[in-house]
Protein backbone atom coordinates (compact mmCIF):
# COMPACT_ATOMS: atom_id res chain seq x y z
CA MET A 1 130.57 180.74 95.35
CA VAL A 2 132.26 178.17 97.59
CA ALA A 3 135.96 178.30 98.42
CA ARG A 4 137.48 174.97 97.43
CA LEU A 5 140.66 172.92 97.39
CA VAL A 6 141.56 169.60 95.80
CA ILE A 7 144.04 167.53 97.81
CA ALA A 8 146.04 165.32 95.42
CA ALA A 9 149.26 163.30 95.40
CA PRO A 10 151.77 161.83 92.95
CA ALA A 11 150.66 158.31 93.92
CA SER A 12 148.56 156.31 96.35
CA GLY A 13 150.09 156.00 99.81
CA SER A 14 151.46 159.55 99.90
CA GLY A 15 149.19 160.61 102.78
CA LYS A 16 146.43 162.55 101.04
CA THR A 17 143.66 160.94 103.12
CA THR A 18 145.42 161.96 106.34
CA VAL A 19 146.01 165.49 105.07
CA ALA A 20 142.54 165.96 103.58
CA THR A 21 140.79 164.64 106.69
CA GLY A 22 143.04 166.68 108.96
CA LEU A 23 142.32 169.85 106.98
CA MET A 24 138.58 169.17 107.07
CA ALA A 25 138.68 168.70 110.84
CA ALA A 26 140.96 171.68 111.48
CA PHE A 27 138.88 174.08 109.40
CA THR A 28 135.65 172.76 110.95
CA ALA A 29 137.09 173.31 114.44
CA SER A 30 137.90 176.90 113.45
CA GLY A 31 134.20 177.57 112.87
CA LEU A 32 133.90 177.06 109.13
CA ALA A 33 131.18 174.93 107.54
CA VAL A 34 133.23 172.44 105.53
CA SER A 35 131.85 170.29 102.73
CA PRO A 36 133.78 166.98 102.31
CA HIS A 37 134.18 165.27 98.93
CA LYS A 38 136.09 162.30 97.53
CA VAL A 39 137.09 161.72 93.90
CA GLY A 40 136.28 158.21 92.71
CA PRO A 41 134.07 155.38 93.96
CA ASP A 42 135.65 154.81 97.39
CA TYR A 43 133.17 154.44 100.27
CA ILE A 44 135.54 154.30 103.24
CA ASP A 45 137.36 157.65 103.12
CA PRO A 46 134.07 159.61 103.06
CA GLY A 47 133.20 158.02 106.41
CA TYR A 48 136.27 159.67 107.95
CA HIS A 49 135.44 162.92 106.15
CA ALA A 50 131.95 162.87 107.68
CA LEU A 51 133.48 162.32 111.12
CA ALA A 52 135.76 165.33 110.57
CA THR A 53 133.06 167.73 109.36
CA GLY A 54 129.72 166.55 110.67
CA ARG A 55 128.39 166.48 107.09
CA PRO A 56 127.88 163.55 104.69
CA GLY A 57 131.00 162.65 102.75
CA ARG A 58 130.13 162.74 99.02
CA ASN A 59 131.77 161.13 96.01
CA LEU A 60 132.59 162.79 92.70
CA ASP A 61 133.03 160.05 90.11
CA SER A 62 132.97 161.14 86.48
CA TYR A 63 133.07 157.57 85.17
CA MET A 64 129.94 156.42 86.99
CA CYS A 65 128.01 159.71 86.98
CA GLY A 66 129.34 161.48 83.87
CA THR A 67 131.47 164.60 83.65
CA GLU A 68 128.37 166.78 83.32
CA LEU A 69 127.23 165.89 86.86
CA ILE A 70 130.48 166.60 88.73
CA ALA A 71 129.87 170.32 89.26
CA PRO A 72 126.13 169.89 90.05
CA LEU A 73 126.82 167.10 92.57
CA PHE A 74 129.55 169.24 94.13
CA ALA A 75 127.22 172.22 94.35
CA HIS A 76 124.51 170.04 95.91
CA GLY A 77 126.85 168.83 98.65
CA ALA A 78 128.54 172.19 99.24
CA ARG A 79 125.38 174.28 99.40
CA GLY A 80 125.57 176.66 102.35
CA CYS A 81 129.19 175.84 103.20
CA ASP A 82 132.16 178.17 103.59
CA LEU A 83 134.76 175.77 102.22
CA ALA A 84 134.90 172.50 100.31
CA VAL A 85 137.82 170.07 100.56
CA VAL A 86 138.03 167.44 97.84
CA GLU A 87 140.29 164.44 98.40
CA GLY A 88 141.69 162.98 95.19
CA VAL A 89 142.12 159.38 94.11
CA MET A 90 145.39 157.54 93.34
CA GLY A 91 147.91 159.83 91.63
CA LEU A 92 146.81 163.24 90.35
CA TYR A 93 146.60 162.16 86.71
CA ASP A 94 145.47 158.54 87.24
CA GLY A 95 141.94 157.66 86.15
CA ALA A 96 139.89 154.92 84.53
CA ALA A 97 142.21 152.48 82.78
CA GLY A 98 142.47 153.16 79.06
CA GLU A 99 140.17 156.20 79.28
CA GLY A 100 142.69 159.05 79.32
CA GLU A 101 141.98 161.56 82.08
CA LEU A 102 138.45 160.27 82.74
CA ALA A 103 137.72 159.89 86.47
CA SER A 104 141.10 161.33 87.46
CA THR A 105 141.65 163.89 90.20
CA ALA A 106 143.03 166.26 87.56
CA GLN A 107 139.84 166.06 85.53
CA VAL A 108 137.64 166.72 88.56
CA ALA A 109 139.84 169.66 89.58
CA LYS A 110 139.38 171.17 86.12
CA LEU A 111 135.63 170.58 86.14
CA LEU A 112 135.43 172.35 89.52
CA ARG A 113 137.92 175.08 88.54
CA ALA A 114 139.63 174.31 91.84
CA PRO A 115 143.27 174.82 92.85
CA VAL A 116 145.23 171.68 93.70
CA VAL A 117 147.50 171.05 96.67
CA LEU A 118 149.96 168.21 96.09
CA VAL A 119 150.81 165.99 99.08
CA VAL A 120 154.30 164.60 98.51
CA ASP A 121 155.82 161.72 100.46
CA ALA A 122 159.28 163.21 100.97
CA SER A 123 160.64 160.38 103.10
CA SER A 124 163.22 159.17 100.56
CA GLN A 125 164.21 162.29 98.65
CA SER A 126 165.61 165.76 98.99
CA ARG A 127 166.49 167.85 95.88
CA SER A 128 164.63 165.47 93.57
CA VAL A 129 161.37 166.74 95.06
CA ALA A 130 161.69 169.84 92.89
CA ALA A 131 161.82 167.80 89.68
CA LEU A 132 158.82 165.78 90.81
CA VAL A 133 156.73 168.85 91.62
CA HIS A 134 157.82 170.63 88.44
CA GLY A 135 156.65 167.66 86.38
CA PHE A 136 153.23 167.56 88.01
CA ALA A 137 152.83 171.33 87.76
CA SER A 138 153.69 171.49 84.05
CA TRP A 139 152.07 168.29 82.75
CA ASP A 140 148.64 169.85 82.18
CA PRO A 141 148.51 173.67 82.03
CA GLU A 142 144.78 173.59 82.82
CA VAL A 143 145.50 172.10 86.25
CA ARG A 144 146.42 174.84 88.71
CA LEU A 145 148.91 173.49 91.23
CA GLY A 146 148.67 176.03 94.02
CA GLY A 147 151.01 174.53 96.58
CA VAL A 148 152.72 171.53 98.12
CA ILE A 149 152.43 169.83 101.49
CA LEU A 150 155.51 167.77 102.33
CA ASN A 151 154.68 164.62 104.26
CA LYS A 152 156.84 162.23 106.31
CA VAL A 153 159.67 164.72 106.68
CA ALA A 154 162.35 163.32 108.99
CA THR A 155 164.24 166.24 110.54
CA ASP A 156 164.69 170.00 110.44
CA ARG A 157 167.72 169.45 108.18
CA HIS A 158 165.62 167.35 105.81
CA GLU A 159 162.96 170.07 105.75
CA ALA A 160 165.55 172.74 104.93
CA LEU A 161 166.88 170.70 101.98
CA LEU A 162 163.36 170.20 100.62
CA ARG A 163 162.43 173.86 100.97
CA ASP A 164 165.64 174.99 99.26
CA ALA A 165 164.99 172.67 96.34
CA LEU A 166 161.39 173.77 95.93
CA GLU A 167 162.22 177.47 96.07
CA GLU A 168 163.28 177.30 92.41
CA SER A 169 160.07 175.51 91.32
CA GLY A 170 157.79 178.44 91.97
CA VAL A 171 155.32 176.22 93.83
CA PRO A 172 154.93 177.35 97.45
CA VAL A 173 155.32 174.97 100.38
CA LEU A 174 152.06 175.23 102.36
CA GLY A 175 152.85 172.61 104.96
CA VAL A 176 155.46 170.26 106.36
CA LEU A 177 154.38 167.18 108.32
CA ARG A 178 156.58 164.89 110.37
CA ARG A 179 155.98 161.17 110.73
CA ALA A 180 153.23 160.66 113.34
CA PRO A 181 151.98 157.16 114.26
CA ALA A 182 148.98 158.61 116.13
CA VAL A 183 147.38 159.81 112.89
CA SER A 184 147.55 156.46 111.13
CA THR A 185 144.44 154.43 110.37
CA PRO A 186 144.53 150.63 110.24
CA SER A 187 144.01 148.93 106.89
CA ARG A 188 142.52 145.62 105.83
CA HIS A 189 142.08 143.65 102.61
CA LEU A 190 140.03 146.41 100.93
CA GLY A 191 141.69 149.50 102.41
CA LEU A 192 141.07 151.43 105.61
CA VAL A 193 138.91 149.94 108.34
CA PRO A 194 135.55 151.81 108.18
CA VAL A 195 134.55 154.32 110.85
CA ALA A 196 131.52 152.23 111.87
CA GLU A 197 133.84 149.46 113.07
CA ARG A 198 136.09 151.65 115.23
CA HIS A 199 134.21 154.85 116.01
CA THR A 200 136.07 155.84 119.18
CA GLU A 201 139.51 155.09 117.73
CA ALA A 202 138.55 156.85 114.49
CA LEU A 203 137.56 159.98 116.42
CA ASP A 204 140.93 159.96 118.15
CA ALA A 205 142.73 159.53 114.82
CA VAL A 206 140.81 162.42 113.23
CA ARG A 207 141.61 164.67 116.19
CA ALA A 208 145.29 163.75 115.88
CA GLN A 209 145.20 164.44 112.14
CA ALA A 210 143.65 167.86 112.76
CA GLU A 211 146.32 168.69 115.35
CA GLN A 212 149.12 167.58 113.04
CA VAL A 213 147.73 169.72 110.21
CA ARG A 214 147.27 172.74 112.48
CA ALA A 215 150.87 172.44 113.67
CA GLY A 216 152.45 171.80 110.29
CA CYS A 217 150.37 173.63 107.69
CA ASP A 218 149.74 177.29 106.89
CA LEU A 219 145.96 177.23 107.27
CA GLU A 220 145.60 180.92 106.38
CA ALA A 221 147.49 180.43 103.13
CA LEU A 222 145.49 177.30 102.31
CA LEU A 223 142.22 179.12 102.95
CA ALA A 224 143.36 182.05 100.81
CA LEU A 225 144.21 179.62 98.01
CA ALA A 226 140.77 178.02 98.31
CA ARG A 227 139.11 181.44 98.16
CA SER A 228 141.06 182.30 95.00
CA ALA A 229 139.06 179.72 93.02
CA PRO A 230 137.02 181.45 90.31
CA PRO A 231 133.21 181.34 90.31
CA LEU A 232 131.71 177.96 89.46
CA VAL A 233 128.50 178.21 87.50
CA ALA A 234 126.51 175.05 88.19
CA GLU A 235 122.90 174.32 89.05
CA PRO A 236 122.98 172.08 92.14
CA TRP A 237 121.94 168.48 91.49
CA SER A 238 118.51 167.61 92.83
CA PRO A 239 116.99 164.21 93.67
CA ALA A 240 113.55 165.54 92.76
CA VAL A 241 111.46 163.11 90.72
CA PRO A 242 110.29 164.24 87.28
CA GLU A 243 106.51 164.19 86.90
CA GLU A 244 106.68 161.46 84.26
CA SER A 245 108.58 159.24 86.72
CA ALA A 246 106.11 159.64 89.58
CA ARG A 247 105.80 156.36 91.50
CA GLY A 248 102.06 156.04 91.94
CA GLY A 249 100.65 153.98 94.80
CA GLY A 250 101.47 154.56 98.46
CA ALA A 251 104.66 155.56 100.26
CA PRO A 252 106.53 152.25 100.64
CA VAL A 253 108.85 151.49 103.53
CA ILE A 254 112.26 150.59 102.10
CA ALA A 255 114.66 149.00 104.57
CA VAL A 256 118.29 149.92 103.97
CA ALA A 257 120.98 147.75 105.56
CA GLY A 258 123.61 149.48 107.67
CA GLY A 259 125.74 148.80 110.71
CA ALA A 260 129.32 147.61 110.79
CA ALA A 261 128.87 144.90 108.15
CA PHE A 262 127.23 147.12 105.51
CA THR A 263 128.94 150.51 105.48
CA PHE A 264 129.16 151.17 101.74
CA SER A 265 126.52 153.64 100.61
CA TYR A 266 126.32 156.87 98.62
CA ALA A 267 124.33 159.64 100.32
CA GLU A 268 122.47 160.37 97.11
CA HIS A 269 120.84 156.91 97.08
CA ALA A 270 118.76 157.56 100.20
CA GLU A 271 118.00 161.08 98.95
CA LEU A 272 116.69 159.69 95.65
CA LEU A 273 114.58 157.03 97.35
CA THR A 274 113.10 159.62 99.70
CA ALA A 275 112.41 162.08 96.88
CA ALA A 276 110.63 159.30 94.98
CA GLY A 277 108.25 158.92 97.91
CA ALA A 278 109.75 156.09 99.92
CA GLN A 279 110.13 155.96 103.69
CA VAL A 280 113.79 154.99 104.07
CA VAL A 281 114.34 153.07 107.31
CA PRO A 282 117.81 151.75 108.27
CA PHE A 283 118.33 148.35 109.86
CA ASP A 284 121.41 146.51 111.11
CA PRO A 285 121.63 142.83 110.09
CA LEU A 286 124.07 142.25 112.94
CA ARG A 287 121.68 143.45 115.64
CA ASP A 288 118.08 143.68 114.40
CA GLU A 289 116.10 140.45 114.44
CA ASP A 290 113.23 141.85 112.38
CA LEU A 291 112.91 144.03 109.30
CA PRO A 292 111.29 147.46 109.88
CA GLU A 293 107.53 147.26 110.22
CA GLY A 294 105.73 147.40 106.88
CA THR A 295 108.85 146.77 104.77
CA ARG A 296 107.99 146.58 101.07
CA GLY A 297 111.53 146.63 99.70
CA VAL A 298 115.10 146.10 100.86
CA VAL A 299 118.43 147.62 99.80
CA VAL A 300 121.61 145.86 100.94
CA GLY A 301 124.72 147.66 99.76
CA GLY A 302 128.39 146.92 100.12
CA GLY A 303 130.59 146.34 103.13
CA PHE A 304 132.41 143.55 104.91
CA PRO A 305 130.07 140.62 105.56
CA GLU A 306 133.07 138.30 105.30
CA VAL A 307 134.43 139.86 108.52
CA TYR A 308 131.11 139.32 110.30
CA ALA A 309 129.95 136.06 108.71
CA PRO A 310 129.48 134.21 112.05
CA GLU A 311 127.42 137.04 113.56
CA LEU A 312 125.30 137.49 110.43
CA SER A 313 124.70 133.77 110.30
CA ALA A 314 123.73 133.65 113.98
CA ASN A 315 120.91 136.14 113.35
CA SER A 316 118.73 133.39 111.87
CA ARG A 317 115.46 135.19 112.57
CA LEU A 318 116.40 138.13 110.32
CA ARG A 319 117.85 135.83 107.64
CA LYS A 320 114.52 134.00 107.56
CA ALA A 321 112.57 137.27 107.32
CA VAL A 322 114.67 138.42 104.35
CA ALA A 323 114.26 135.05 102.62
CA GLU A 324 110.49 135.07 103.13
CA LEU A 325 110.20 138.61 101.78
CA ALA A 326 112.20 137.66 98.69
CA GLN A 327 110.13 134.51 98.20
CA ALA A 328 106.96 136.63 98.31
CA GLY A 329 108.30 138.69 95.40
CA ALA A 330 109.24 141.91 97.20
CA PRO A 331 111.89 144.07 95.48
CA LEU A 332 115.41 143.51 96.90
CA ALA A 333 118.45 145.36 95.56
CA ALA A 334 121.80 143.93 96.63
CA GLU A 335 125.31 145.03 95.69
CA CYS A 336 128.52 143.14 96.46
CA ALA A 337 128.23 142.54 100.23
CA GLY A 338 124.47 142.39 99.74
CA LEU A 339 124.96 139.71 97.10
CA LEU A 340 126.94 137.62 99.59
CA TYR A 341 124.30 138.11 102.29
CA LEU A 342 121.58 136.82 99.98
CA ALA A 343 123.65 133.76 99.03
CA ARG A 344 123.18 130.29 100.49
CA SER A 345 126.46 130.49 102.42
CA LEU A 346 129.52 132.65 103.00
CA ASP A 347 132.75 130.89 103.97
CA GLY A 348 130.62 127.91 105.02
CA LYS A 349 128.30 129.96 107.26
CA PRO A 350 124.59 129.93 106.34
CA MET A 351 123.30 133.23 104.92
CA CYS A 352 119.79 134.14 103.74
CA GLY A 353 119.55 131.41 101.10
CA VAL A 354 117.69 133.64 98.64
CA LEU A 355 120.18 132.68 95.90
CA GLU A 356 121.30 129.16 94.99
CA ALA A 357 124.94 130.20 95.24
CA ASP A 358 127.82 130.00 97.72
CA ALA A 359 130.45 132.66 98.44
CA ARG A 360 133.92 132.51 99.90
CA MET A 361 136.97 134.67 100.46
CA SER A 362 139.61 134.70 97.72
CA PRO A 363 143.25 135.80 97.61
CA ARG A 364 142.53 137.60 94.34
CA LEU A 365 141.45 141.25 94.32
CA THR A 366 138.79 142.10 91.75
CA LEU A 367 138.94 145.84 91.11
CA GLY A 368 137.91 148.20 88.36
CA TYR A 369 135.22 150.15 86.58
CA ARG A 370 132.54 148.25 84.71
CA ASP A 371 130.47 149.18 81.67
CA ALA A 372 127.25 147.21 82.18
CA VAL A 373 123.97 146.57 80.36
CA ALA A 374 120.91 145.02 81.98
CA VAL A 375 120.23 141.62 80.40
CA SER A 376 117.12 140.78 82.47
CA ASP A 377 114.14 142.90 83.49
CA SER A 378 114.28 143.72 87.19
CA ALA A 379 113.01 146.10 89.83
CA LEU A 380 116.10 148.22 89.16
CA ALA A 381 116.44 148.26 85.38
CA ALA A 382 114.68 147.29 82.17
CA VAL A 383 116.47 145.07 79.66
CA GLY A 384 118.93 147.14 77.67
CA THR A 385 119.49 149.77 80.38
CA ARG A 386 123.14 150.77 80.31
CA MET A 387 124.95 151.75 83.49
CA ARG A 388 128.49 152.28 84.61
CA GLY A 389 129.68 150.84 87.89
CA HIS A 390 132.60 149.56 89.91
CA GLU A 391 133.74 146.21 91.33
CA PHE A 392 135.91 145.96 94.44
CA HIS A 393 136.07 142.67 96.36
CA ARG A 394 138.20 139.73 97.49
CA THR A 395 135.44 137.16 97.36
CA VAL A 396 134.00 134.86 94.73
CA ILE A 397 130.50 133.48 94.36
CA GLU A 398 129.67 130.22 92.58
CA PRO A 399 127.92 130.27 90.24
CA GLY A 400 128.78 133.82 89.22
CA ALA A 401 125.45 134.33 87.46
CA GLY A 402 121.96 132.92 87.70
CA ALA A 403 119.59 131.67 85.00
CA GLN A 404 118.62 135.32 84.58
CA PRO A 405 121.83 137.35 85.01
CA ALA A 406 121.74 140.92 86.25
CA TRP A 407 124.34 142.51 83.96
CA GLY A 408 126.28 141.90 80.81
CA LEU A 409 129.70 143.46 81.30
CA ARG A 410 131.60 144.96 78.37
CA GLN A 411 135.02 145.33 79.97
CA PRO A 412 137.65 144.28 80.97
CA GLU A 413 136.22 141.06 79.50
CA ARG A 414 132.77 140.25 78.18
CA ARG A 415 130.74 138.18 80.65
CA VAL A 416 127.41 138.07 82.41
CA GLU A 417 127.14 138.27 86.19
CA GLY A 418 124.64 138.62 89.01
CA PHE A 419 121.15 137.32 89.65
CA VAL A 420 117.61 138.44 88.83
CA GLN A 421 114.83 136.29 90.25
CA GLY A 422 111.38 137.48 91.25
CA GLY A 423 111.90 140.93 92.75
CA VAL A 424 115.59 140.34 93.53
CA HIS A 425 118.44 142.10 91.74
CA ALA A 426 121.81 141.00 93.17
CA SER A 427 125.22 141.76 91.71
CA TYR A 428 128.86 142.45 92.54
CA VAL A 429 128.68 145.75 90.62
CA HIS A 430 128.38 148.95 92.68
CA THR A 431 126.43 151.70 90.92
CA HIS A 432 125.87 155.38 91.65
CA TRP A 433 122.19 156.13 91.19
CA ALA A 434 122.74 159.87 90.72
CA GLY A 435 124.12 158.97 87.30
CA ALA A 436 120.96 156.97 86.48
CA PRO A 437 118.16 158.25 88.76
CA ASP A 438 115.53 156.20 86.92
CA THR A 439 117.01 153.25 88.81
CA ALA A 440 115.80 154.65 92.13
CA TYR A 441 112.45 155.82 90.72
CA ARG A 442 111.81 152.38 89.19
CA PHE A 443 112.71 150.60 92.43
CA VAL A 444 110.33 152.75 94.48
CA ARG A 445 107.52 152.18 91.96
CA HIS A 446 108.02 148.41 92.20
CA CYS A 447 107.99 148.59 96.00
CA ALA A 448 104.82 150.71 96.02
CA GLN A 449 103.07 148.37 93.61
CA TRP A 450 104.12 145.10 95.27
CA SER A 451 100.99 143.30 96.47
CA GLY A 452 102.49 142.26 99.78
CA HIS A 453 102.30 138.55 99.04
CA ALA A 454 103.50 136.03 96.51
CA ASP A 455 101.72 136.29 93.15
């Protein structure tokens, strides 16, 4: 039984990340063990959540992982904690396009049987706030709206008008926050700037958010609301490998890219690789000139290589090591930023040259869930394997697919994309391996069985 709250909003930009992170930090500072969670595929917010709580930020995405895994993944992350705070995505009822409530904050709140606190940007309204809150509270009777936090309130007079209006709604006001520049976090072309790029400033921002929440919110009432959540019956998710999926062979070293350029990763990926028998060793392509000793496989996830293209390019010794490993047939799994790093060039700067393709920044944002099927056998998936993923980038790569594409995408338009060559699987599509753990097991088996030289 874990006390839990879902922090939602009527729309993006209302301040739910600030409020959720501030609550996590404030409750952690009070001595509670707080489990941080984020609805949806976003990688950046969980970094701030981890900073606030000292625990890994974990995603709850019912599109990529399936509705049946939401409660088990939550229970896995929240094991041993006093309180869980779940930050929502977009507006409360917004989810996967054309899929009803799927992947929405409301759906996750219902799956977790968790009360919802609505963060409302009150900067341009007074009495109308009551109509807004009433609509959100009554839209779905299965969603329990337990309270409201009013954000960006201008003055005491403005606060009084808002409170008077909401008195008739029956939804209690659990916090009132003034505008506070110190709590803001800088944004870039894909959202907030990750913690890894501004650790000291991010710590200051999280402290300021915690102080703002302590001063403006009724923490006792919020904790009481969280503790009012009914029991959640769910067996915690486990990365344990089924006997029939045992890897065989030795314990391969799998190098996982990190550092400021490659910050996008789900905690469950490393847990799955470790459970499958791998030795997971991080490396930073910005700083490390060599891959970890004994590397038999490489995982390069998402991030911002376009911001660090000159520095990545300057590390020619590591680029050469990655290219030689790929040429020898070692398994390499690359997603989005990893795809760009394996390309021949990025914005004219030489990259690893594993792929005969060139990448560049684009003014167009590519964003959305993807229903994918493997169209080529690879170290990650057999032909016909179906997975759900997510694309989020402002870059393009030409060509967009190799002679052996990685995925056939079913929506929003039918196309093939990505590259499979030798042991390399490189694609723009982010996937969550908890929803398809055979992906991790298969990758570790391929790494363990790789001969260590070109066939």
